[in-house]
Amino acid sequence: MMMRLAMTIGCMFASVLAQAQVTVSEPWIRATVGGQKVAGGYLQIKSERDTALVGVKSPAAANVEVHEMAMVDNVMRMRALQKLDVPAGRSVELKPGGYHLMLIDIKEPMKVGAKVPLQLTFEDKDKKRETVEVTAEVRPLSGASAAKGEHKHH
């Protein structure tokens, strides 16, 4: 009986470990001003196996996209990505001036200290999906991050 119980607990633990392949840390959203309809979101992602961020949802916005900012011909350009690859064992940082989330058509201004739920969907090469839910704190706009080329949508 004890052996069966130990095996059952071991299998449950292994199942939980198998599902917890992606970790998301330090999520935050940039504060907005009245009338602003978009907000930037930032975080760090690490995975034990190759995966890709393929979707993001939040009740705070009508749509959330993953964007990339990059210099092209000496001009900072932004584009939406269908997926963001997360190589096994490496950390991918979404930060001002690089990869980031765009919360589009936000439902109310993002006020400093508010908490914003995010649901991130990852997909591995076998098309297995994993959902990670985090809560991002709204932080103030800082001069340092604005200087790194953060953009605005109109």
C-alpha atoms as a PDB file:
ATOM      1  CA  MET A   1       0.000   0.000   0.000  1.00  0.00           C
ATOM      2  CA  MET A   2       2.791   2.455   0.935  1.00  0.00           C
ATOM      3  CA  MET A   3       4.686   1.599  -2.237  1.00  0.00           C
ATOM      4  CA  ARG A   4       1.619   2.313  -4.378  1.00  0.00           C
ATOM      5  CA  LEU A   5       1.053   5.618  -2.568  1.00  0.00           C
ATOM      6  CA  ALA A   6       4.705   6.599  -3.034  1.00  0.00           C
ATOM      7  CA  MET A   7       4.501   5.757  -6.751  1.00  0.00           C
ATOM      8  CA  THR A   8       1.291   7.761  -7.141  1.00  0.00           C
ATOM      9  CA  ILE A   9       2.788  10.798  -5.391  1.00  0.00           C
ATOM     10  CA  GLY A  10       5.970  10.427  -7.471  1.00  0.00           C
ATOM     11  CA  CYS A  11       3.965  10.337 -10.702  1.00  0.00           C
ATOM     12  CA  MET A  12       1.934  13.394  -9.645  1.00  0.00           C
ATOM     13  CA  PHE A  13       5.142  15.282  -8.809  1.00  0.00           C
ATOM     14  CA  ALA A  14       6.702  14.322 -12.154  1.00  0.00           C
ATOM     15  CA  SER A  15       3.546  15.469 -13.939  1.00  0.00           C
ATOM     16  CA  VAL A  16       3.695  18.869 -12.238  1.00  0.00           C
ATOM     17  CA  LEU A  17       7.385  19.207 -13.132  1.00  0.00           C
ATOM     18  CA  ALA A  18       6.700  18.272 -16.742  1.00  0.00           C
ATOM     19  CA  GLN A  19       4.075  21.011 -16.989  1.00  0.00           C
ATOM     20  CA  ALA A  20       6.145  23.705 -15.271  1.00  0.00           C
ATOM     21  CA  GLN A  21       8.712  24.121 -18.053  1.00  0.00           C
ATOM     22  CA  VAL A  22       8.344  27.899 -18.494  1.00  0.00           C
ATOM     23  CA  THR A  23       8.941  30.520 -15.827  1.00  0.00           C
ATOM     24  CA  VAL A  24       7.982  34.164 -16.142  1.00  0.00           C
ATOM     25  CA  SER A  25       9.515  36.710 -13.795  1.00  0.00           C
ATOM     26  CA  GLU A  26       9.526  40.445 -13.138  1.00  0.00           C
ATOM     27  CA  PRO A  27       6.349  41.324 -15.067  1.00  0.00           C
ATOM     28  CA  TRP A  28       5.447  45.018 -15.144  1.00  0.00           C
ATOM     29  CA  ILE A  29       3.359  47.454 -17.179  1.00  0.00           C
ATOM     30  CA  ARG A  30       4.261  51.057 -17.929  1.00  0.00           C
ATOM     31  CA  ALA A  31       1.885  53.626 -16.422  1.00  0.00           C
ATOM     32  CA  THR A  32      -0.237  55.608 -18.875  1.00  0.00           C
ATOM     33  CA  VAL A  33      -1.912  58.998 -18.951  1.00  0.00           C
ATOM     34  CA  GLY A  34      -5.605  59.712 -19.506  1.00  0.00           C
ATOM     35  CA  GLY A  35      -6.714  59.121 -23.082  1.00  0.00           C
ATOM     36  CA  GLN A  36      -3.791  56.838 -23.901  1.00  0.00           C
ATOM     37  CA  LYS A  37      -5.094  53.623 -25.477  1.00  0.00           C
ATOM     38  CA  VAL A  38      -1.937  51.472 -25.380  1.00  0.00           C
ATOM     39  CA  ALA A  39       0.508  50.401 -22.699  1.00  0.00           C
ATOM     40  CA  GLY A  40       3.848  48.606 -22.820  1.00  0.00           C
ATOM     41  CA  GLY A  41       4.435  45.394 -20.887  1.00  0.00           C
ATOM     42  CA  TYR A  42       7.754  43.878 -19.869  1.00  0.00           C
ATOM     43  CA  LEU A  43       8.964  40.625 -18.273  1.00  0.00           C
ATOM     44  CA  GLN A  44      11.541  37.855 -18.400  1.00  0.00           C
ATOM     45  CA  ILE A  45      10.924  34.341 -19.728  1.00  0.00           C
ATOM     46  CA  LYS A  46      13.003  31.213 -19.196  1.00  0.00           C
ATOM     47  CA  SER A  47      12.206  27.695 -20.347  1.00  0.00           C
ATOM     48  CA  GLU A  48      13.766  24.297 -19.734  1.00  0.00           C
ATOM     49  CA  ARG A  49      13.045  23.303 -23.348  1.00  0.00           C
ATOM     50  CA  ASP A  50      12.702  25.139 -26.660  1.00  0.00           C
ATOM     51  CA  THR A  51       9.357  26.882 -26.799  1.00  0.00           C
ATOM     52  CA  ALA A  52       7.750  30.027 -28.199  1.00  0.00           C
ATOM     53  CA  LEU A  53       5.435  32.684 -26.805  1.00  0.00           C
ATOM     54  CA  VAL A  54       2.463  32.471 -29.183  1.00  0.00           C
ATOM     55  CA  GLY A  55      -0.237  34.475 -27.424  1.00  0.00           C
ATOM     56  CA  VAL A  56      -0.999  36.873 -24.608  1.00  0.00           C
ATOM     57  CA  LYS A  57      -4.348  37.924 -23.144  1.00  0.00           C
ATOM     58  CA  SER A  58      -5.387  40.362 -20.449  1.00  0.00           C
ATOM     59  CA  PRO A  59      -8.799  41.521 -19.223  1.00  0.00           C
ATOM     60  CA  ALA A  60      -7.260  45.023 -19.081  1.00  0.00           C
ATOM     61  CA  ALA A  61      -7.009  45.331 -22.889  1.00  0.00           C
ATOM     62  CA  ALA A  62      -8.963  44.374 -25.994  1.00  0.00           C
ATOM     63  CA  ASN A  63      -5.804  42.876 -27.513  1.00  0.00           C
ATOM     64  CA  VAL A  64      -2.221  42.110 -26.485  1.00  0.00           C
ATOM     65  CA  GLU A  65       0.552  41.694 -29.042  1.00  0.00           C
ATOM     66  CA  VAL A  66       4.224  40.791 -28.809  1.00  0.00           C
ATOM     67  CA  HIS A  67       6.329  43.453 -30.542  1.00  0.00           C
ATOM     68  CA  GLU A  68       9.954  43.796 -31.558  1.00  0.00           C
ATOM     69  CA  MET A  69      11.851  47.054 -31.859  1.00  0.00           C
ATOM     70  CA  ALA A  70      15.019  46.990 -33.923  1.00  0.00           C
ATOM     71  CA  MET A  71      17.296  49.352 -35.794  1.00  0.00           C
ATOM     72  CA  VAL A  72      16.828  49.040 -39.559  1.00  0.00           C
ATOM     73  CA  ASP A  73      18.834  51.409 -41.761  1.00  0.00           C
ATOM     74  CA  ASN A  74      19.492  53.699 -38.784  1.00  0.00           C
ATOM     75  CA  VAL A  75      15.772  53.960 -38.035  1.00  0.00           C
ATOM     76  CA  MET A  76      14.089  52.356 -35.020  1.00  0.00           C
ATOM     77  CA  ARG A  77      11.283  50.156 -36.356  1.00  0.00           C
ATOM     78  CA  MET A  78       8.601  48.196 -34.592  1.00  0.00           C
ATOM     79  CA  ARG A  79       6.699  45.152 -35.758  1.00  0.00           C
ATOM     80  CA  ALA A  80       4.249  42.681 -34.292  1.00  0.00           C
ATOM     81  CA  LEU A  81       5.487  39.091 -33.993  1.00  0.00           C
ATOM     82  CA  GLN A  82       3.402  35.961 -34.510  1.00  0.00           C
ATOM     83  CA  LYS A  83       5.655  34.175 -32.009  1.00  0.00           C
ATOM     84  CA  LEU A  84       8.709  34.867 -29.881  1.00  0.00           C
ATOM     85  CA  ASP A  85      11.173  31.990 -29.658  1.00  0.00           C
ATOM     86  CA  VAL A  86      12.468  31.073 -26.190  1.00  0.00           C
ATOM     87  CA  PRO A  87      15.529  28.800 -26.537  1.00  0.00           C
ATOM     88  CA  ALA A  88      16.025  26.096 -23.898  1.00  0.00           C
ATOM     89  CA  GLY A  89      17.992  27.258 -20.883  1.00  0.00           C
ATOM     90  CA  ARG A  90      18.261  30.889 -22.032  1.00  0.00           C
ATOM     91  CA  SER A  91      16.423  33.882 -20.670  1.00  0.00           C
ATOM     92  CA  VAL A  92      14.489  36.148 -23.035  1.00  0.00           C
ATOM     93  CA  GLU A  93      13.851  39.648 -21.731  1.00  0.00           C
ATOM     94  CA  LEU A  94      10.987  41.829 -22.878  1.00  0.00           C
ATOM     95  CA  LYS A  95      12.136  45.378 -22.118  1.00  0.00           C
ATOM     96  CA  PRO A  96      11.797  48.965 -23.335  1.00  0.00           C
ATOM     97  CA  GLY A  97      13.508  49.375 -26.703  1.00  0.00           C
ATOM     98  CA  GLY A  98      13.440  45.641 -27.542  1.00  0.00           C
ATOM     99  CA  TYR A  99      10.883  42.864 -27.403  1.00  0.00           C
ATOM    100  CA  HIS A 100       7.829  43.954 -25.423  1.00  0.00           C
ATOM    101  CA  LEU A 101       4.102  43.451 -25.009  1.00  0.00           C
ATOM    102  CA  MET A 102       1.649  46.018 -26.347  1.00  0.00           C
ATOM    103  CA  LEU A 103      -1.669  46.155 -24.520  1.00  0.00           C
ATOM    104  CA  ILE A 104      -3.967  47.675 -27.139  1.00  0.00           C
ATOM    105  CA  ASP A 105      -7.259  49.465 -26.450  1.00  0.00           C
ATOM    106  CA  ILE A 106      -6.733  49.429 -22.701  1.00  0.00           C
ATOM    107  CA  LYS A 107      -9.986  49.669 -20.783  1.00  0.00           C
ATOM    108  CA  GLU A 108      -8.764  52.293 -18.296  1.00  0.00           C
ATOM    109  CA  PRO A 109      -5.542  54.197 -17.606  1.00  0.00           C
ATOM    110  CA  MET A 110      -2.732  52.143 -16.084  1.00  0.00           C
ATOM    111  CA  LYS A 111      -2.154  53.750 -12.681  1.00  0.00           C
ATOM    112  CA  VAL A 112       1.059  53.253 -10.719  1.00  0.00           C
ATOM    113  CA  GLY A 113       0.667  50.396  -8.232  1.00  0.00           C
ATOM    114  CA  ALA A 114      -2.265  48.729 -10.015  1.00  0.00           C
ATOM    115  CA  LYS A 115      -2.101  44.993 -10.703  1.00  0.00           C
ATOM    116  CA  VAL A 116      -2.755  43.699 -14.237  1.00  0.00           C
ATOM    117  CA  PRO A 117      -3.347  39.989 -14.936  1.00  0.00           C
ATOM    118  CA  LEU A 118      -1.630  38.514 -17.995  1.00  0.00           C
ATOM    119  CA  GLN A 119      -2.143  35.074 -19.497  1.00  0.00           C
ATOM    120  CA  LEU A 120       0.776  33.928 -21.661  1.00  0.00           C
ATOM    121  CA  THR A 121       0.508  30.939 -23.992  1.00  0.00           C
ATOM    122  CA  PHE A 122       3.613  29.007 -25.031  1.00  0.00           C
ATOM    123  CA  GLU A 123       3.907  26.297 -27.680  1.00  0.00           C
ATOM    124  CA  ASP A 124       6.756  23.804 -28.074  1.00  0.00           C
ATOM    125  CA  LYS A 125       7.939  22.133 -31.287  1.00  0.00           C
ATOM    126  CA  ASP A 126       5.453  19.273 -30.717  1.00  0.00           C
ATOM    127  CA  LYS A 127       2.589  21.825 -30.649  1.00  0.00           C
ATOM    128  CA  LYS A 128       2.013  21.203 -26.927  1.00  0.00           C
ATOM    129  CA  ARG A 129       0.732  24.346 -25.259  1.00  0.00           C
ATOM    130  CA  GLU A 130       1.375  25.679 -21.784  1.00  0.00           C
ATOM    131  CA  THR A 131      -0.368  28.660 -20.204  1.00  0.00           C
ATOM    132  CA  VAL A 132       1.337  30.785 -17.579  1.00  0.00           C
ATOM    133  CA  GLU A 133      -0.630  33.367 -15.615  1.00  0.00           C
ATOM    134  CA  VAL A 134       1.142  36.287 -13.961  1.00  0.00           C
ATOM    135  CA  THR A 135       0.199  39.587 -12.376  1.00  0.00           C
ATOM    136  CA  ALA A 136       2.106  42.624 -13.578  1.00  0.00           C
ATOM    137  CA  GLU A 137       2.505  45.712 -11.426  1.00  0.00           C
ATOM    138  CA  VAL A 138       2.058  49.099 -13.081  1.00  0.00           C
ATOM    139  CA  ARG A 139       5.209  51.187 -12.688  1.00  0.00           C
ATOM    140  CA  PRO A 140       5.914  54.837 -13.500  1.00  0.00           C
ATOM    141  CA  LEU A 141       7.519  56.007 -16.704  1.00  0.00           C
ATOM    142  CA  SER A 142      11.211  56.545 -16.056  1.00  0.00           C
ATOM    143  CA  GLY A 143      13.561  58.746 -18.010  1.00  0.00           C
ATOM    144  CA  ALA A 144      15.997  55.863 -18.512  1.00  0.00           C
ATOM    145  CA  SER A 145      13.476  53.594 -20.206  1.00  0.00           C
ATOM    146  CA  ALA A 146      12.075  56.428 -22.322  1.00  0.00           C
ATOM    147  CA  ALA A 147      15.585  57.179 -23.555  1.00  0.00           C
ATOM    148  CA  LYS A 148      15.959  53.603 -24.822  1.00  0.00           C
ATOM    149  CA  GLY A 149      13.556  54.256 -27.683  1.00  0.00           C
ATOM    150  CA  GLU A 150      10.166  53.295 -26.319  1.00  0.00           C
ATOM    151  CA  HIS A 151       7.461  54.112 -28.831  1.00  0.00           C
ATOM    152  CA  LYS A 152       3.888  55.331 -28.804  1.00  0.00           C
ATOM    153  CA  HIS A 153       0.918  54.188 -30.883  1.00  0.00           C
ATOM    154  CA  HIS A 154      -1.587  56.695 -32.172  1.00  0.00           C
END
